[in-house]
PDB file of N, CA and C in Angstrom:
ATOM      1  N   UNK A   1     -66.701 181.069-219.549  1.00  0.00           N
ATOM      2  CA  UNK A   1     -66.575 181.149-220.997  1.00  0.00           C
ATOM      3  C   UNK A   1     -66.861 182.559-221.461  1.00  0.00           C
ATOM      4  N   UNK A   2     -66.256 182.913-222.549  1.00  0.00           N
ATOM      5  CA  UNK A   2     -66.500 184.230-223.113  1.00  0.00           C
ATOM      6  C   UNK A   2     -67.713 184.188-224.023  1.00  0.00           C
ATOM      7  N   UNK A   3     -68.234 185.354-224.370  1.00  0.00           N
ATOM      8  CA  UNK A   3     -69.340 185.404-225.318  1.00  0.00           C
ATOM      9  C   UNK A   3     -68.949 184.744-226.627  1.00  0.00           C
ATOM     10  N   UNK A   4     -67.707 184.924-227.024  1.00  0.00           N
ATOM     11  CA  UNK A   4     -67.205 184.344-228.276  1.00  0.00           C
ATOM     12  C   UNK A   4     -67.307 182.820-228.252  1.00  0.00           C
ATOM     13  N   UNK A   5     -66.955 182.202-227.135  1.00  0.00           N
ATOM     14  CA  UNK A   5     -66.968 180.748-227.070  1.00  0.00           C
ATOM     15  C   UNK A   5     -68.364 180.175-226.888  1.00  0.00           C
ATOM     16  N   UNK A   6     -69.337 180.999-226.610  1.00  0.00           N
ATOM     17  CA  UNK A   6     -70.702 180.524-226.423  1.00  0.00           C
ATOM     18  C   UNK A   6     -71.481 180.432-227.734  1.00  0.00           C
ATOM     19  N   UNK A   7     -70.966 180.993-228.815  1.00  0.00           N
ATOM     20  CA  UNK A   7     -71.669 180.944-230.097  1.00  0.00           C
ATOM     21  C   UNK A   7     -71.651 179.530-230.640  1.00  0.00           C
ATOM     22  N   UNK A   8     -72.717 179.169-231.339  1.00  0.00           N
ATOM     23  CA  UNK A   8     -72.828 177.822-231.871  1.00  0.00           C
ATOM     24  C   UNK A   8     -72.630 177.787-233.376  1.00  0.00           C
ATOM     25  N   UNK A   9     -71.714 176.981-233.841  1.00  0.00           N
ATOM     26  CA  UNK A   9     -71.592 176.612-235.225  1.00  0.00           C
ATOM     27  C   UNK A   9     -71.716 177.701-236.265  1.00  0.00           C
ATOM     28  N   UNK A  10     -71.282 178.903-235.990  1.00  0.00           N
ATOM     29  CA  UNK A  10     -71.238 179.912-237.036  1.00  0.00           C
ATOM     30  C   UNK A  10     -69.775 180.215-237.317  1.00  0.00           C
ATOM     31  N   UNK A  11     -69.492 181.166-238.176  1.00  0.00           N
ATOM     32  CA  UNK A  11     -68.111 181.439-238.566  1.00  0.00           C
ATOM     33  C   UNK A  11     -67.245 181.820-237.368  1.00  0.00           C
ATOM     34  N   UNK A  12     -67.846 182.361-236.315  1.00  0.00           N
ATOM     35  CA  UNK A  12     -67.104 182.761-235.125  1.00  0.00           C
ATOM     36  C   UNK A  12     -67.300 181.801-233.962  1.00  0.00           C
ATOM     37  N   UNK A  13     -67.981 180.717-234.186  1.00  0.00           N
ATOM     38  CA  UNK A  13     -68.347 179.842-233.083  1.00  0.00           C
ATOM     39  C   UNK A  13     -67.533 178.581-233.006  1.00  0.00           C
ATOM     40  N   UNK A  14     -68.125 177.586-232.431  1.00  0.00           N
ATOM     41  CA  UNK A  14     -67.427 176.338-232.179  1.00  0.00           C
ATOM     42  C   UNK A  14     -67.971 175.229-233.056  1.00  0.00           C
ATOM     43  N   UNK A  15     -67.061 174.575-233.751  1.00  0.00           N
ATOM     44  CA  UNK A  15     -67.373 173.407-234.567  1.00  0.00           C
ATOM     45  C   UNK A  15     -66.519 172.259-234.057  1.00  0.00           C
ATOM     46  N   UNK A  16     -67.050 171.053-234.130  1.00  0.00           N
ATOM     47  CA  UNK A  16     -66.360 169.862-233.659  1.00  0.00           C
ATOM     48  C   UNK A  16     -66.490 168.751-234.687  1.00  0.00           C
ATOM     49  N   UNK A  17     -65.502 167.867-234.707  1.00  0.00           N
ATOM     50  CA  UNK A  17     -65.633 166.645-235.483  1.00  0.00           C
ATOM     51  C   UNK A  17     -66.065 165.566-234.511  1.00  0.00           C
ATOM     52  N   UNK A  18     -67.198 164.924-234.793  1.00  0.00           N
ATOM     53  CA  UNK A  18     -67.747 163.887-233.920  1.00  0.00           C
ATOM     54  C   UNK A  18     -67.315 162.513-234.426  1.00  0.00           C
ATOM     55  N   UNK A  19     -66.616 161.765-233.577  1.00  0.00           N
ATOM     56  CA  UNK A  19     -66.175 160.424-233.945  1.00  0.00           C
ATOM     57  C   UNK A  19     -67.343 159.445-233.945  1.00  0.00           C
ATOM     58  N   UNK A  20     -68.319 159.682-233.129  1.00  0.00           N
ATOM     59  CA  UNK A  20     -69.481 158.809-233.045  1.00  0.00           C
ATOM     60  C   UNK A  20     -70.307 158.875-234.329  1.00  0.00           C
ATOM     61  N   UNK A  21     -70.523 160.065-234.843  1.00  0.00           N
ATOM     62  CA  UNK A  21     -71.344 160.258-236.039  1.00  0.00           C
ATOM     63  C   UNK A  21     -70.512 160.457-237.306  1.00  0.00           C
ATOM     64  N   UNK A  22     -69.189 160.536-237.144  1.00  0.00           N
ATOM     65  CA  UNK A  22     -68.252 160.689-238.257  1.00  0.00           C
ATOM     66  C   UNK A  22     -68.587 161.893-239.130  1.00  0.00           C
ATOM     67  N   UNK A  23     -68.747 163.028-238.452  1.00  0.00           N
ATOM     68  CA  UNK A  23     -69.043 164.260-239.164  1.00  0.00           C
ATOM     69  C   UNK A  23     -68.892 165.476-238.276  1.00  0.00           C
ATOM     70  N   UNK A  24     -69.065 166.651-238.883  1.00  0.00           N
ATOM     71  CA  UNK A  24     -68.920 167.922-238.184  1.00  0.00           C
ATOM     72  C   UNK A  24     -70.237 168.298-237.516  1.00  0.00           C
ATOM     73  N   UNK A  25     -70.132 168.768-236.286  1.00  0.00           N
ATOM     74  CA  UNK A  25     -71.298 169.158-235.509  1.00  0.00           C
ATOM     75  C   UNK A  25     -71.011 170.437-234.733  1.00  0.00           C
ATOM     76  N   UNK A  26     -72.068 171.045-234.219  1.00  0.00           N
ATOM     77  CA  UNK A  26     -71.915 172.204-233.356  1.00  0.00           C
ATOM     78  C   UNK A  26     -71.715 171.752-231.919  1.00  0.00           C
ATOM     79  N   UNK A  27     -71.484 172.694-231.068  1.00  0.00           N
ATOM     80  CA  UNK A  27     -71.092 172.429-229.679  1.00  0.00           C
ATOM     81  C   UNK A  27     -72.061 171.550-228.900  1.00  0.00           C
ATOM     82  N   UNK A  28     -73.333 171.716-229.075  1.00  0.00           N
ATOM     83  CA  UNK A  28     -74.305 171.038-228.224  1.00  0.00           C
ATOM     84  C   UNK A  28     -74.820 169.704-228.754  1.00  0.00           C
ATOM     85  N   UNK A  29     -74.239 169.189-229.826  1.00  0.00           N
ATOM     86  CA  UNK A  29     -74.792 167.981-230.427  1.00  0.00           C
ATOM     87  C   UNK A  29     -74.309 166.687-229.801  1.00  0.00           C
ATOM     88  N   UNK A  30     -73.086 166.625-229.286  1.00  0.00           N
ATOM     89  CA  UNK A  30     -72.551 165.396-228.703  1.00  0.00           C
ATOM     90  C   UNK A  30     -71.703 165.713-227.486  1.00  0.00           C
ATOM     91  N   UNK A  31     -71.379 164.659-226.751  1.00  0.00           N
ATOM     92  CA  UNK A  31     -70.522 164.821-225.577  1.00  0.00           C
ATOM     93  C   UNK A  31     -69.088 165.105-225.996  1.00  0.00           C
ATOM     94  N   UNK A  32     -68.364 165.815-225.165  1.00  0.00           N
ATOM     95  CA  UNK A  32     -66.982 166.180-225.457  1.00  0.00           C
ATOM     96  C   UNK A  32     -66.117 164.951-225.710  1.00  0.00           C
ATOM     97  N   UNK A  33     -66.352 163.869-225.001  1.00  0.00           N
ATOM     98  CA  UNK A  33     -65.503 162.684-225.153  1.00  0.00           C
ATOM     99  C   UNK A  33     -65.636 162.027-226.522  1.00  0.00           C
ATOM    100  N   UNK A  34     -66.672 162.373-227.284  1.00  0.00           N
ATOM    101  CA  UNK A  34     -66.899 161.791-228.603  1.00  0.00           C
ATOM    102  C   UNK A  34     -66.430 162.671-229.742  1.00  0.00           C
ATOM    103  N   UNK A  35     -65.725 163.758-229.437  1.00  0.00           N
ATOM    104  CA  UNK A  35     -65.421 164.708-230.506  1.00  0.00           C
ATOM    105  C   UNK A  35     -64.042 165.349-230.364  1.00  0.00           C
ATOM    106  N   UNK A  36     -63.610 165.963-231.450  1.00  0.00           N
ATOM    107  CA  UNK A  36     -62.345 166.685-231.528  1.00  0.00           C
ATOM    108  C   UNK A  36     -62.676 168.145-231.790  1.00  0.00           C
ATOM    109  N   UNK A  37     -62.058 169.043-231.045  1.00  0.00           N
ATOM    110  CA  UNK A  37     -62.311 170.460-231.255  1.00  0.00           C
ATOM    111  C   UNK A  37     -62.197 171.207-229.945  1.00  0.00           C
ATOM    112  N   UNK A  38     -62.533 172.447-229.944  1.00  0.00           N
ATOM    113  CA  UNK A  38     -63.323 173.174-230.939  1.00  0.00           C
ATOM    114  C   UNK A  38     -62.456 173.793-232.041  1.00  0.00           C
ATOM    115  N   UNK A  39     -63.097 174.022-233.159  1.00  0.00           N
ATOM    116  CA  UNK A  39     -62.503 174.716-234.293  1.00  0.00           C
ATOM    117  C   UNK A  39     -63.362 175.933-234.603  1.00  0.00           C
ATOM    118  N   UNK A  40     -62.743 176.960-235.148  1.00  0.00           N
ATOM    119  CA  UNK A  40     -63.483 178.192-235.439  1.00  0.00           C
ATOM    120  C   UNK A  40     -64.418 178.064-236.631  1.00  0.00           C
ATOM    121  N   UNK A  41     -64.074 177.192-237.572  1.00  0.00           N
ATOM    122  CA  UNK A  41     -64.904 177.058-238.767  1.00  0.00           C
ATOM    123  C   UNK A  41     -65.260 175.599-239.010  1.00  0.00           C
ATOM    124  N   UNK A  42     -66.291 175.403-239.799  1.00  0.00           N
ATOM    125  CA  UNK A  42     -66.703 174.059-240.176  1.00  0.00           C
ATOM    126  C   UNK A  42     -65.595 173.382-240.989  1.00  0.00           C
ATOM    127  N   UNK A  43     -64.952 174.128-241.853  1.00  0.00           N
ATOM    128  CA  UNK A  43     -63.873 173.582-242.678  1.00  0.00           C
ATOM    129  C   UNK A  43     -62.710 173.090-241.821  1.00  0.00           C
ATOM    130  N   UNK A  44     -62.336 173.842-240.802  1.00  0.00           N
ATOM    131  CA  UNK A  44     -61.256 173.398-239.907  1.00  0.00           C
ATOM    132  C   UNK A  44     -61.633 172.095-239.215  1.00  0.00           C
ATOM    133  N   UNK A  45     -62.878 171.974-238.798  1.00  0.00           N
ATOM    134  CA  UNK A  45     -63.329 170.746-238.139  1.00  0.00           C
ATOM    135  C   UNK A  45     -63.310 169.576-239.114  1.00  0.00           C
ATOM    136  N   UNK A  46     -63.704 169.809-240.354  1.00  0.00           N
ATOM    137  CA  UNK A  46     -63.690 168.752-241.362  1.00  0.00           C
ATOM    138  C   UNK A  46     -62.282 168.257-241.637  1.00  0.00           C
ATOM    139  N   UNK A  47     -61.304 169.139-241.501  1.00  0.00           N
ATOM    140  CA  UNK A  47     -59.911 168.803-241.822  1.00  0.00           C
ATOM    141  C   UNK A  47     -59.053 168.589-240.587  1.00  0.00           C
ATOM    142  N   UNK A  48     -59.638 168.101-239.524  1.00  0.00           N
ATOM    143  CA  UNK A  48     -58.917 167.918-238.268  1.00  0.00           C
ATOM    144  C   UNK A  48     -57.741 166.957-238.405  1.00  0.00           C
ATOM    145  N   UNK A  49     -57.877 165.961-239.271  1.00  0.00           N
ATOM    146  CA  UNK A  49     -56.810 164.961-239.411  1.00  0.00           C
ATOM    147  C   UNK A  49     -55.496 165.596-239.868  1.00  0.00           C
ATOM    148  N   UNK A  50     -55.587 166.509-240.829  1.00  0.00           N
ATOM    149  CA  UNK A  50     -54.382 167.163-241.331  1.00  0.00           C
ATOM    150  C   UNK A  50     -53.702 167.984-240.242  1.00  0.00           C
ATOM    151  N   UNK A  51     -54.499 168.674-239.437  1.00  0.00           N
ATOM    152  CA  UNK A  51     -53.951 169.489-238.351  1.00  0.00           C
ATOM    153  C   UNK A  51     -53.258 168.605-237.309  1.00  0.00           C
ATOM    154  N   UNK A  52     -53.880 167.496-236.960  1.00  0.00           N
ATOM    155  CA  UNK A  52     -53.295 166.584-235.979  1.00  0.00           C
ATOM    156  C   UNK A  52     -52.019 165.949-236.532  1.00  0.00           C
ATOM    157  N   UNK A  53     -52.030 165.533-237.788  1.00  0.00           N
ATOM    158  CA  UNK A  53     -50.843 164.926-238.396  1.00  0.00           C
ATOM    159  C   UNK A  53     -49.682 165.913-238.428  1.00  0.00           C
ATOM    160  N   UNK A  54     -49.960 167.158-238.789  1.00  0.00           N
ATOM    161  CA  UNK A  54     -48.905 168.184-238.833  1.00  0.00           C
ATOM    162  C   UNK A  54     -48.343 168.443-237.444  1.00  0.00           C
ATOM    163  N   UNK A  55     -49.215 168.513-236.457  1.00  0.00           N
ATOM    164  CA  UNK A  55     -48.759 168.742-235.081  1.00  0.00           C
ATOM    165  C   UNK A  55     -47.913 167.577-234.589  1.00  0.00           C
ATOM    166  N   UNK A  56     -48.356 166.346-234.861  1.00  0.00           N
ATOM    167  CA  UNK A  56     -47.603 165.176-234.420  1.00  0.00           C
ATOM    168  C   UNK A  56     -46.237 165.105-235.091  1.00  0.00           C
ATOM    169  N   UNK A  57     -46.183 165.436-236.380  1.00  0.00           N
ATOM    170  CA  UNK A  57     -44.902 165.441-237.088  1.00  0.00           C
ATOM    171  C   UNK A  57     -43.960 166.482-236.493  1.00  0.00           C
ATOM    172  N   UNK A  58     -44.487 167.641-236.178  1.00  0.00           N
ATOM    173  CA  UNK A  58     -43.668 168.694-235.560  1.00  0.00           C
ATOM    174  C   UNK A  58     -43.112 168.216-234.223  1.00  0.00           C
ATOM    175  N   UNK A  59     -43.950 167.584-233.409  1.00  0.00           N
ATOM    176  CA  UNK A  59     -43.493 167.088-232.104  1.00  0.00           C
ATOM    177  C   UNK A  59     -42.418 166.021-232.269  1.00  0.00           C
ATOM    178  N   UNK A  60     -42.613 165.131-233.249  1.00  0.00           N
ATOM    179  CA  UNK A  60     -41.619 164.069-233.477  1.00  0.00           C
ATOM    180  C   UNK A  60     -40.275 164.668-233.883  1.00  0.00           C
ATOM    181  N   UNK A  61     -40.307 165.694-234.725  1.00  0.00           N
ATOM    182  CA  UNK A  61     -39.080 166.330-235.168  1.00  0.00           C
ATOM    183  C   UNK A  61     -38.393 167.074-234.034  1.00  0.00           C
ATOM    184  N   UNK A  62     -39.142 167.622-233.108  1.00  0.00           N
ATOM    185  CA  UNK A  62     -38.566 168.332-231.963  1.00  0.00           C
ATOM    186  C   UNK A  62     -37.883 167.376-230.991  1.00  0.00           C
ATOM    187  N   UNK A  63     -38.352 166.140-230.924  1.00  0.00           N
ATOM    188  CA  UNK A  63     -37.791 165.162-230.003  1.00  0.00           C
ATOM    189  C   UNK A  63     -36.444 164.638-230.450  1.00  0.00           C
ATOM    190  N   UNK A  64     -36.121 164.758-231.730  1.00  0.00           N
ATOM    191  CA  UNK A  64     -34.880 164.188-232.269  1.00  0.00           C
ATOM    192  C   UNK A  64     -33.702 165.089-232.064  1.00  0.00           C
TER     193      UNK A  64
END
């Protein structure tokens, strides 16, 4: 891992959305299997659903 990826939950670090706790957490709070990420900002982690929906729609359109 790079120094950049080792930072915790700051503007340059790693944020995750935890499905177990239904909220945003830093890297060391839960197991990887319980979360979505990493995201660079807390806001990106909070809005993971929109990013996933947009990506899925793009993939569906590419398949047609």
